[in-house]
Each structure stands twice: as C-alpha cells, then as structure tokens.
Amino acid sequence: MSKTDRRTDTPAQHGRQRPAEALASIPEALDRLGQGLSIFDGDLRLTCFNRAFVELLGFPEDLVVAGMPFEDLIRFNAERGEYGDGDVEALVEDRVQLARNFAPHRFQRQRPNGRVIDIEGFPLDGGGFVTTYMDITARVQAERRSDEAESALRRANTRTIEAIEAFLDAFALYDTDDRLVLCNEKYRAFYSATAEAITPGKTFEELLRYGLERGEYEEAIGREDDWLAERLARHRDLDGAFEQTQDAGRRDGRRAHRHHRT
C-alpha cells in the first residue's frame, strides 16, 4: 500500500500537487461538505460557495454565480417571503447594512418550508466574511418535542396534585423503595409534629422515626422500638392501600388517612 500525502490526500509516489491543481480541487472538496459555505469579499460580492449553500437555502442553481452581489441574493429571498412580511426594499436594506458591519454573528432562521438553518459568520482579515450554514431541523424538532412532553408532564402533575388535595382524607403515595412520592396537605396536618419533614424522597421509616422523636404517636410511648417494627411490618405487607385512624389528643377528634404504595 502506497503512502499518502496528508496535506493533499494524493499518493506520495505521484508527487505533490501543483498549486494550480490544488486550487482546482477546492470546489470539489467544498461540495463534499455537509455544511453550506459562502464567502463574500469586502465589496459584498460572492467569491466562493458550495453546493450545500445553494441546496440548504433553496436557491435555483442558475441564480448563484461567483461575483454576484450579496444584495441580489437578499432581494431574491425577500421577494419570495423568506424574511416574512414587509417592504422588500426595507428588508434588503436592513440586511445589507448589517452585512457591511463585517461583525461576527450567529443566529437561527426558520425557512417557510419549516427547515431550520443555523447560520454563523466571521469577518476576514482582508475584508469580507465567511459564513457557514447547517441544517438543524431535526435537533430543533427533537427539542420542541421534549419541551412539549415536559410541559404535558407538568400539567399532568398539577392535575394530580389538585386531585389529591380534593380528597376528604389524608393521602400519601410511596414508591417501591418506600420513598414518599407525593401527599396532600391533609396528610401533613394529620402528622403535625412530623409535617416539616414530610417531603418527597423521605422514606417511610425516616418519617416514622422523626415522629417518634417528637411524640407524634401516643400509642408508641414506652415501646418505641416494638411499635416501629410492627408499624414497618404492616406497611411492608400492604397490597395497595390501608386506612388508619388516629386520636392523639386532636381537637377535631378521630381522623383517617390513607397510605398508598406503588
């Protein structure tokens, strides 16, 4: 296998490309890029471009030629509605003036056909600027679907919380790891001494121990360890839900709450 010159990607045995040959290969190399590329000189005339530039921006192939003014391309776009509604000449003038600043820029533009193009430009030391164009439609659509799904989930969570708050009884839901998923305010009120510790992610045992330390459970006083073991065993043997009543000296008398495990 022959060696390859890394700079020209031609077999070393054939020698280096001559300058003219190297220059002639540039358009073909640029056409192989997935990104669009254009170069305008200091007079805002197109000096170089590739096939992806024409295809991504939807220009007719016979329109784009080396030497054409930047203004002509912008006017073509404005006339076909690429920049939305508005006076064509005003749309053209605004964009030409921005281009004359020769400042670095990057933005996204959604074409009327729905394609989203990421456009990034850099000024050149000798005047003019080079711009790249990348089709990011798939990425933007995926982000939008993700945002929509997240929004739908938030709405569903809000409806769930509103529903459990409407329950007449205290309600709590624990996951398979015995961690609190959600509860209503009646549940926190039911265990008033433990209320500040009742937060999603806390285990059922952690909440019981917190309550025991603060005298939450009158029936456990004097036999805390045994009571805890019994209470945990009953909780772990649950199949779905159970109802518990509690007096504990509450002014509103005997109350009920429901535990649910997933």
C-alpha atoms as a PDB file:
ATOM      1  CA  MET A   1       0.000   0.000   0.000  1.00  0.00           C
ATOM      2  CA  SER A   2       1.457   3.358  -1.024  1.00  0.00           C
ATOM      3  CA  LYS A   3       1.884   6.233   1.315  1.00  0.00           C
ATOM      4  CA  THR A   4      -0.495   9.167   1.147  1.00  0.00           C
ATOM      5  CA  ASP A   5       0.430  12.832   1.489  1.00  0.00           C
ATOM      6  CA  ARG A   6      -1.745  14.047   4.376  1.00  0.00           C
ATOM      7  CA  ARG A   7      -1.925  17.602   3.014  1.00  0.00           C
ATOM      8  CA  THR A   8      -3.165  16.697  -0.452  1.00  0.00           C
ATOM      9  CA  ASP A   9      -4.538  13.199   0.114  1.00  0.00           C
ATOM     10  CA  THR A  10      -2.766  12.008  -3.027  1.00  0.00           C
ATOM     11  CA  PRO A  11      -0.289   9.137  -3.282  1.00  0.00           C
ATOM     12  CA  ALA A  12       3.188  10.349  -2.384  1.00  0.00           C
ATOM     13  CA  GLN A  13       4.658   8.387  -5.319  1.00  0.00           C
ATOM     14  CA  HIS A  14       2.905  10.757  -7.722  1.00  0.00           C
ATOM     15  CA  GLY A  15       4.496  13.748  -6.071  1.00  0.00           C
ATOM     16  CA  ARG A  16       2.839  16.776  -4.611  1.00  0.00           C
ATOM     17  CA  GLN A  17       0.010  18.516  -6.427  1.00  0.00           C
ATOM     18  CA  ARG A  18       0.963  21.576  -8.330  1.00  0.00           C
ATOM     19  CA  PRO A  19      -0.560  24.817  -6.987  1.00  0.00           C
ATOM     20  CA  ALA A  20      -2.952  25.099  -9.925  1.00  0.00           C
ATOM     21  CA  GLU A  21      -4.119  21.508  -9.454  1.00  0.00           C
ATOM     22  CA  ALA A  22      -4.613  22.054  -5.726  1.00  0.00           C
ATOM     23  CA  LEU A  23      -6.704  25.156  -6.340  1.00  0.00           C
ATOM     24  CA  ALA A  24      -8.794  23.339  -8.933  1.00  0.00           C
ATOM     25  CA  SER A  25      -9.671  20.635  -6.396  1.00  0.00           C
ATOM     26  CA  ILE A  26     -11.055  23.103  -3.820  1.00  0.00           C
ATOM     27  CA  PRO A  27     -14.591  23.407  -5.308  1.00  0.00           C
ATOM     28  CA  GLU A  28     -14.980  19.626  -5.357  1.00  0.00           C
ATOM     29  CA  ALA A  29     -13.758  19.390  -1.767  1.00  0.00           C
ATOM     30  CA  LEU A  30     -16.187  22.108  -0.641  1.00  0.00           C
ATOM     31  CA  ASP A  31     -19.085  20.358  -2.386  1.00  0.00           C
ATOM     32  CA  ARG A  32     -18.424  17.293  -0.254  1.00  0.00           C
ATOM     33  CA  LEU A  33     -19.106  19.242   2.939  1.00  0.00           C
ATOM     34  CA  GLY A  34     -22.436  18.706   4.667  1.00  0.00           C
ATOM     35  CA  GLN A  35     -22.395  22.347   5.764  1.00  0.00           C
ATOM     36  CA  GLY A  36     -23.164  25.184   3.426  1.00  0.00           C
ATOM     37  CA  LEU A  37     -20.422  27.751   2.944  1.00  0.00           C
ATOM     38  CA  SER A  38     -20.215  31.149   1.307  1.00  0.00           C
ATOM     39  CA  ILE A  39     -17.518  33.814   1.119  1.00  0.00           C
ATOM     40  CA  PHE A  40     -18.208  37.437   0.258  1.00  0.00           C
ATOM     41  CA  ASP A  41     -15.428  39.956  -0.314  1.00  0.00           C
ATOM     42  CA  GLY A  42     -15.145  43.486   1.042  1.00  0.00           C
ATOM     43  CA  ASP A  43     -17.447  44.755  -1.722  1.00  0.00           C
ATOM     44  CA  LEU A  44     -20.081  42.174  -0.686  1.00  0.00           C
ATOM     45  CA  ARG A  45     -19.665  40.097  -3.827  1.00  0.00           C
ATOM     46  CA  LEU A  46     -19.846  36.312  -3.701  1.00  0.00           C
ATOM     47  CA  THR A  47     -16.387  34.862  -4.279  1.00  0.00           C
ATOM     48  CA  CYS A  48     -16.855  31.258  -3.177  1.00  0.00           C
ATOM     49  CA  PHE A  49     -19.700  28.897  -2.288  1.00  0.00           C
ATOM     50  CA  ASN A  50     -20.531  25.204  -2.278  1.00  0.00           C
ATOM     51  CA  ARG A  51     -23.454  23.027  -3.300  1.00  0.00           C
ATOM     52  CA  ALA A  52     -24.837  22.764   0.238  1.00  0.00           C
ATOM     53  CA  PHE A  53     -25.153  26.563   0.395  1.00  0.00           C
ATOM     54  CA  VAL A  54     -27.403  26.514  -2.665  1.00  0.00           C
ATOM     55  CA  GLU A  55     -29.423  23.493  -1.513  1.00  0.00           C
ATOM     56  CA  LEU A  56     -29.931  24.481   2.136  1.00  0.00           C
ATOM     57  CA  LEU A  57     -31.119  27.964   1.240  1.00  0.00           C
ATOM     58  CA  GLY A  58     -33.194  26.728  -1.675  1.00  0.00           C
ATOM     59  CA  PHE A  59     -31.624  28.898  -4.353  1.00  0.00           C
ATOM     60  CA  PRO A  60     -32.099  27.989  -8.033  1.00  0.00           C
ATOM     61  CA  GLU A  61     -28.817  26.574  -9.323  1.00  0.00           C
ATOM     62  CA  ASP A  62     -28.647  29.049 -12.199  1.00  0.00           C
ATOM     63  CA  LEU A  63     -29.104  32.015  -9.849  1.00  0.00           C
ATOM     64  CA  VAL A  64     -25.971  31.694  -7.747  1.00  0.00           C
ATOM     65  CA  VAL A  65     -22.759  32.576  -9.564  1.00  0.00           C
ATOM     66  CA  ALA A  66     -19.411  33.869  -8.422  1.00  0.00           C
ATOM     67  CA  GLY A  67     -19.274  37.650  -8.422  1.00  0.00           C
ATOM     68  CA  MET A  68     -22.977  38.262  -7.777  1.00  0.00           C
ATOM     69  CA  PRO A  69     -23.768  40.950  -5.187  1.00  0.00           C
ATOM     70  CA  PHE A  70     -24.897  39.981  -1.709  1.00  0.00           C
ATOM     71  CA  GLU A  71     -27.786  42.388  -2.187  1.00  0.00           C
ATOM     72  CA  ASP A  72     -29.152  40.375  -5.126  1.00  0.00           C
ATOM     73  CA  LEU A  73     -29.355  37.191  -3.070  1.00  0.00           C
ATOM     74  CA  ILE A  74     -31.049  39.035  -0.215  1.00  0.00           C
ATOM     75  CA  ARG A  75     -33.553  40.622  -2.598  1.00  0.00           C
ATOM     76  CA  PHE A  76     -34.360  37.221  -4.099  1.00  0.00           C
ATOM     77  CA  ASN A  77     -35.059  35.895  -0.603  1.00  0.00           C
ATOM     78  CA  ALA A  78     -37.144  38.898   0.385  1.00  0.00           C
ATOM     79  CA  GLU A  79     -39.285  38.670  -2.737  1.00  0.00           C
ATOM     80  CA  ARG A  80     -40.144  35.035  -2.075  1.00  0.00           C
ATOM     81  CA  GLY A  81     -41.035  35.654   1.577  1.00  0.00           C
ATOM     82  CA  GLU A  82     -38.003  34.169   3.309  1.00  0.00           C
ATOM     83  CA  TYR A  83     -37.904  37.080   5.768  1.00  0.00           C
ATOM     84  CA  GLY A  84     -41.619  37.320   6.367  1.00  0.00           C
ATOM     85  CA  ASP A  85     -43.930  40.187   5.549  1.00  0.00           C
ATOM     86  CA  GLY A  86     -42.666  43.688   4.951  1.00  0.00           C
ATOM     87  CA  ASP A  87     -41.427  46.073   2.317  1.00  0.00           C
ATOM     88  CA  VAL A  88     -38.914  44.217   0.147  1.00  0.00           C
ATOM     89  CA  GLU A  89     -36.506  47.132  -0.230  1.00  0.00           C
ATOM     90  CA  ALA A  90     -36.575  47.824   3.500  1.00  0.00           C
ATOM     91  CA  LEU A  91     -35.861  44.166   4.270  1.00  0.00           C
ATOM     92  CA  VAL A  92     -32.970  44.198   1.808  1.00  0.00           C
ATOM     93  CA  GLU A  93     -31.513  47.455   3.094  1.00  0.00           C
ATOM     94  CA  ASP A  94     -31.561  46.296   6.721  1.00  0.00           C
ATOM     95  CA  ARG A  95     -29.654  43.108   5.901  1.00  0.00           C
ATOM     96  CA  VAL A  96     -27.138  44.763   3.616  1.00  0.00           C
ATOM     97  CA  GLN A  97     -26.313  47.335   6.291  1.00  0.00           C
ATOM     98  CA  LEU A  98     -25.802  44.575   8.857  1.00  0.00           C
ATOM     99  CA  ALA A  99     -23.511  42.739   6.443  1.00  0.00           C
ATOM    100  CA  ARG A 100     -21.416  45.898   5.947  1.00  0.00           C
ATOM    101  CA  ASN A 101     -20.548  45.808   9.648  1.00  0.00           C
ATOM    102  CA  PHE A 102     -18.440  42.702   8.973  1.00  0.00           C
ATOM    103  CA  ALA A 103     -19.048  41.580  12.556  1.00  0.00           C
ATOM    104  CA  PRO A 104     -19.140  38.005  13.891  1.00  0.00           C
ATOM    105  CA  HIS A 105     -22.696  36.750  14.071  1.00  0.00           C
ATOM    106  CA  ARG A 106     -24.702  33.622  14.703  1.00  0.00           C
ATOM    107  CA  PHE A 107     -28.435  33.032  14.563  1.00  0.00           C
ATOM    108  CA  GLN A 108     -31.067  30.500  13.560  1.00  0.00           C
ATOM    109  CA  ARG A 109     -33.508  31.096  10.737  1.00  0.00           C
ATOM    110  CA  GLN A 110     -36.577  29.011  10.008  1.00  0.00           C
ATOM    111  CA  ARG A 111     -37.382  28.956   6.341  1.00  0.00           C
ATOM    112  CA  PRO A 112     -41.008  28.990   5.111  1.00  0.00           C
ATOM    113  CA  ASN A 113     -40.708  25.259   4.349  1.00  0.00           C
ATOM    114  CA  GLY A 114     -40.015  24.559   8.041  1.00  0.00           C
ATOM    115  CA  ARG A 115     -36.300  23.869   7.664  1.00  0.00           C
ATOM    116  CA  VAL A 116     -34.224  25.485  10.424  1.00  0.00           C
ATOM    117  CA  ILE A 117     -30.768  26.716   9.492  1.00  0.00           C
ATOM    118  CA  ASP A 118     -28.010  27.628  11.934  1.00  0.00           C
ATOM    119  CA  ILE A 119     -26.047  30.489  10.341  1.00  0.00           C
ATOM    120  CA  GLU A 120     -22.651  31.619  11.626  1.00  0.00           C
ATOM    121  CA  GLY A 121     -20.436  34.265  10.052  1.00  0.00           C
ATOM    122  CA  PHE A 122     -16.910  35.538  10.654  1.00  0.00           C
ATOM    123  CA  PRO A 123     -15.131  38.589   9.202  1.00  0.00           C
ATOM    124  CA  LEU A 124     -11.997  38.022   7.120  1.00  0.00           C
ATOM    125  CA  ASP A 125      -8.778  39.945   7.754  1.00  0.00           C
ATOM    126  CA  GLY A 126      -8.589  41.082   4.153  1.00  0.00           C
ATOM    127  CA  GLY A 127     -12.190  42.263   4.112  1.00  0.00           C
ATOM    128  CA  GLY A 128     -15.429  40.405   3.599  1.00  0.00           C
ATOM    129  CA  PHE A 129     -16.739  37.473   5.587  1.00  0.00           C
ATOM    130  CA  VAL A 130     -17.180  33.723   5.503  1.00  0.00           C
ATOM    131  CA  THR A 131     -20.473  32.149   6.562  1.00  0.00           C
ATOM    132  CA  THR A 132     -21.441  28.570   7.322  1.00  0.00           C
ATOM    133  CA  TYR A 133     -24.941  27.114   7.163  1.00  0.00           C
ATOM    134  CA  MET A 134     -26.071  23.981   8.990  1.00  0.00           C
ATOM    135  CA  ASP A 135     -29.435  22.228   8.854  1.00  0.00           C
ATOM    136  CA  ILE A 136     -30.505  21.758  12.491  1.00  0.00           C
ATOM    137  CA  THR A 137     -34.157  20.980  11.785  1.00  0.00           C
ATOM    138  CA  ALA A 138     -34.062  17.501  13.345  1.00  0.00           C
ATOM    139  CA  ARG A 139     -32.398  18.783  16.513  1.00  0.00           C
ATOM    140  CA  VAL A 140     -34.822  21.688  16.902  1.00  0.00           C
ATOM    141  CA  GLN A 141     -37.821  19.403  16.368  1.00  0.00           C
ATOM    142  CA  ALA A 142     -36.486  16.962  18.974  1.00  0.00           C
ATOM    143  CA  GLU A 143     -36.023  19.828  21.457  1.00  0.00           C
ATOM    144  CA  ARG A 144     -39.551  21.049  20.782  1.00  0.00           C
ATOM    145  CA  ARG A 145     -40.977  17.566  21.328  1.00  0.00           C
ATOM    146  CA  SER A 146     -39.019  17.310  24.565  1.00  0.00           C
ATOM    147  CA  ASP A 147     -40.303  20.711  25.725  1.00  0.00           C
ATOM    148  CA  GLU A 148     -43.863  19.744  24.813  1.00  0.00           C
ATOM    149  CA  ALA A 149     -43.555  16.444  26.678  1.00  0.00           C
ATOM    150  CA  GLU A 150     -42.143  18.220  29.729  1.00  0.00           C
ATOM    151  CA  SER A 151     -44.947  20.759  29.622  1.00  0.00           C
ATOM    152  CA  ALA A 152     -47.537  17.985  29.350  1.00  0.00           C
ATOM    153  CA  LEU A 153     -45.942  16.215  32.317  1.00  0.00           C
ATOM    154  CA  ARG A 154     -46.072  19.389  34.401  1.00  0.00           C
ATOM    155  CA  ARG A 155     -49.748  19.836  33.551  1.00  0.00           C
ATOM    156  CA  ALA A 156     -50.455  16.205  34.463  1.00  0.00           C
ATOM    157  CA  ASN A 157     -48.604  16.599  37.776  1.00  0.00           C
ATOM    158  CA  THR A 158     -50.574  19.744  38.531  1.00  0.00           C
ATOM    159  CA  ARG A 159     -53.857  17.959  37.868  1.00  0.00           C
ATOM    160  CA  THR A 160     -52.749  15.026  40.046  1.00  0.00           C
ATOM    161  CA  ILE A 161     -51.861  17.324  42.933  1.00  0.00           C
ATOM    162  CA  GLU A 162     -55.157  19.170  42.603  1.00  0.00           C
ATOM    163  CA  ALA A 163     -56.993  15.848  42.651  1.00  0.00           C
ATOM    164  CA  ILE A 164     -55.354  14.505  45.815  1.00  0.00           C
ATOM    165  CA  GLU A 165     -55.824  17.836  47.560  1.00  0.00           C
ATOM    166  CA  ALA A 166     -59.543  17.416  46.914  1.00  0.00           C
ATOM    167  CA  PHE A 167     -59.616  14.112  48.833  1.00  0.00           C
ATOM    168  CA  LEU A 168     -61.568  14.234  52.083  1.00  0.00           C
ATOM    169  CA  ASP A 169     -58.943  12.094  53.822  1.00  0.00           C
ATOM    170  CA  ALA A 170     -55.212  12.473  54.232  1.00  0.00           C
ATOM    171  CA  PHE A 171     -53.387  10.776  51.366  1.00  0.00           C
ATOM    172  CA  ALA A 172     -49.779   9.701  50.714  1.00  0.00           C
ATOM    173  CA  LEU A 173     -48.136   7.762  47.922  1.00  0.00           C
ATOM    174  CA  TYR A 174     -44.867   5.848  48.418  1.00  0.00           C
ATOM    175  CA  ASP A 175     -42.784   4.209  45.702  1.00  0.00           C
ATOM    176  CA  THR A 176     -41.306   0.702  45.653  1.00  0.00           C
ATOM    177  CA  ASP A 177     -38.276   1.951  47.617  1.00  0.00           C
ATOM    178  CA  ASP A 178     -40.631   3.233  50.308  1.00  0.00           C
ATOM    179  CA  ARG A 179     -39.861   6.856  49.482  1.00  0.00           C
ATOM    180  CA  LEU A 180     -42.581   9.464  49.557  1.00  0.00           C
ATOM    181  CA  VAL A 181     -43.717  10.467  46.069  1.00  0.00           C
ATOM    182  CA  LEU A 182     -46.465  12.891  46.985  1.00  0.00           C
ATOM    183  CA  CYS A 183     -49.060  13.644  49.632  1.00  0.00           C
ATOM    184  CA  ASN A 184     -51.768  16.185  50.283  1.00  0.00           C
ATOM    185  CA  GLU A 185     -51.843  18.892  52.918  1.00  0.00           C
ATOM    186  CA  LYS A 186     -54.306  16.882  54.985  1.00  0.00           C
ATOM    187  CA  TYR A 187     -51.590  14.239  55.384  1.00  0.00           C
ATOM    188  CA  ARG A 188     -49.165  16.825  56.743  1.00  0.00           C
ATOM    189  CA  ALA A 189     -51.854  18.196  59.030  1.00  0.00           C
ATOM    190  CA  PHE A 190     -52.623  14.669  60.235  1.00  0.00           C
ATOM    191  CA  TYR A 191     -48.980  14.248  61.301  1.00  0.00           C
ATOM    192  CA  SER A 192     -48.485  17.805  62.522  1.00  0.00           C
ATOM    193  CA  ALA A 193     -45.375  17.050  64.600  1.00  0.00           C
ATOM    194  CA  THR A 194     -43.737  15.465  61.543  1.00  0.00           C
ATOM    195  CA  ALA A 195     -45.082  17.915  58.948  1.00  0.00           C
ATOM    196  CA  GLU A 196     -41.862  19.812  58.297  1.00  0.00           C
ATOM    197  CA  ALA A 197     -40.037  16.558  57.493  1.00  0.00           C
ATOM    198  CA  ILE A 198     -42.711  15.236  55.126  1.00  0.00           C
ATOM    199  CA  THR A 199     -41.054  15.915  51.794  1.00  0.00           C
ATOM    200  CA  PRO A 200     -40.752  13.843  48.610  1.00  0.00           C
ATOM    201  CA  GLY A 201     -37.850  11.400  48.779  1.00  0.00           C
ATOM    202  CA  LYS A 202     -38.046  10.712  52.504  1.00  0.00           C
ATOM    203  CA  THR A 203     -38.528   7.073  53.391  1.00  0.00           C
ATOM    204  CA  PHE A 204     -41.492   5.908  55.399  1.00  0.00           C
ATOM    205  CA  GLU A 205     -39.143   4.729  58.160  1.00  0.00           C
ATOM    206  CA  GLU A 206     -37.361   8.086  58.305  1.00  0.00           C
ATOM    207  CA  LEU A 207     -40.679   9.836  58.812  1.00  0.00           C
ATOM    208  CA  LEU A 208     -41.761   7.373  61.495  1.00  0.00           C
ATOM    209  CA  ARG A 209     -38.514   7.843  63.427  1.00  0.00           C
ATOM    210  CA  TYR A 210     -38.825  11.602  63.097  1.00  0.00           C
ATOM    211  CA  GLY A 211     -42.337  11.421  64.538  1.00  0.00           C
ATOM    212  CA  LEU A 212     -41.311   9.078  67.363  1.00  0.00           C
ATOM    213  CA  GLU A 213     -38.636  11.522  68.493  1.00  0.00           C
ATOM    214  CA  ARG A 214     -41.318  14.209  68.760  1.00  0.00           C
ATOM    215  CA  GLY A 215     -44.039  12.180  70.442  1.00  0.00           C
ATOM    216  CA  GLU A 216     -46.221  12.008  67.334  1.00  0.00           C
ATOM    217  CA  TYR A 217     -47.576   8.549  68.201  1.00  0.00           C
ATOM    218  CA  GLU A 218     -49.065   8.281  71.699  1.00  0.00           C
ATOM    219  CA  GLU A 219     -49.545   4.531  71.376  1.00  0.00           C
ATOM    220  CA  ALA A 220     -45.784   4.124  70.869  1.00  0.00           C
ATOM    221  CA  ILE A 221     -44.686   5.855  74.055  1.00  0.00           C
ATOM    222  CA  GLY A 222     -42.694   3.445  76.216  1.00  0.00           C
ATOM    223  CA  ARG A 223     -42.422   0.802  73.475  1.00  0.00           C
ATOM    224  CA  GLU A 224     -40.977   2.775  70.618  1.00  0.00           C
ATOM    225  CA  ASP A 225     -38.782   0.029  69.122  1.00  0.00           C
ATOM    226  CA  ASP A 226     -41.532  -2.591  69.170  1.00  0.00           C
ATOM    227  CA  TRP A 227     -44.068  -0.145  67.782  1.00  0.00           C
ATOM    228  CA  LEU A 228     -41.715   0.854  64.977  1.00  0.00           C
ATOM    229  CA  ALA A 229     -41.092  -2.762  63.995  1.00  0.00           C
ATOM    230  CA  GLU A 230     -44.816  -3.518  63.994  1.00  0.00           C
ATOM    231  CA  ARG A 231     -45.650  -0.417  62.030  1.00  0.00           C
ATOM    232  CA  LEU A 232     -42.998  -1.089  59.387  1.00  0.00           C
ATOM    233  CA  ALA A 233     -44.098  -4.700  59.052  1.00  0.00           C
ATOM    234  CA  ARG A 234     -47.693  -3.649  58.499  1.00  0.00           C
ATOM    235  CA  HIS A 235     -46.595  -1.063  55.985  1.00  0.00           C
ATOM    236  CA  ARG A 236     -44.453  -3.533  54.039  1.00  0.00           C
ATOM    237  CA  ASP A 237     -47.222  -6.113  53.936  1.00  0.00           C
ATOM    238  CA  LEU A 238     -49.522  -3.660  52.205  1.00  0.00           C
ATOM    239  CA  ASP A 239     -51.176  -4.635  48.968  1.00  0.00           C
ATOM    240  CA  GLY A 240     -52.380  -1.310  47.649  1.00  0.00           C
ATOM    241  CA  ALA A 241     -53.718   0.905  50.451  1.00  0.00           C
ATOM    242  CA  PHE A 242     -54.797   0.908  54.049  1.00  0.00           C
ATOM    243  CA  GLU A 243     -56.721   3.280  56.242  1.00  0.00           C
ATOM    244  CA  GLN A 244     -55.515   4.416  59.634  1.00  0.00           C
ATOM    245  CA  THR A 245     -57.305   6.431  62.295  1.00  0.00           C
ATOM    246  CA  GLN A 246     -55.601   8.457  64.974  1.00  0.00           C
ATOM    247  CA  ASP A 247     -56.732  10.292  68.079  1.00  0.00           C
ATOM    248  CA  ALA A 248     -53.514  11.569  69.652  1.00  0.00           C
ATOM    249  CA  GLY A 249     -55.417  14.258  71.528  1.00  0.00           C
ATOM    250  CA  ARG A 250     -56.503  16.082  68.362  1.00  0.00           C
ATOM    251  CA  ARG A 251     -59.143  18.726  68.921  1.00  0.00           C
ATOM    252  CA  ASP A 252     -61.173  17.616  65.912  1.00  0.00           C
ATOM    253  CA  GLY A 253     -61.391  14.049  67.241  1.00  0.00           C
ATOM    254  CA  ARG A 254     -60.798  10.805  65.404  1.00  0.00           C
ATOM    255  CA  ARG A 255     -59.399  11.243  61.875  1.00  0.00           C
ATOM    256  CA  ALA A 256     -58.496   8.948  58.991  1.00  0.00           C
ATOM    257  CA  HIS A 257     -55.778   8.818  56.394  1.00  0.00           C
ATOM    258  CA  ARG A 258     -54.816   6.524  53.562  1.00  0.00           C
ATOM    259  CA  HIS A 259     -51.393   5.199  52.575  1.00  0.00           C
ATOM    260  CA  HIS A 260     -50.769   4.006  49.038  1.00  0.00           C
ATOM    261  CA  ARG A 261     -47.742   2.136  47.723  1.00  0.00           C
ATOM    262  CA  THR A 262     -46.842   1.731  44.086  1.00  0.00           C
END
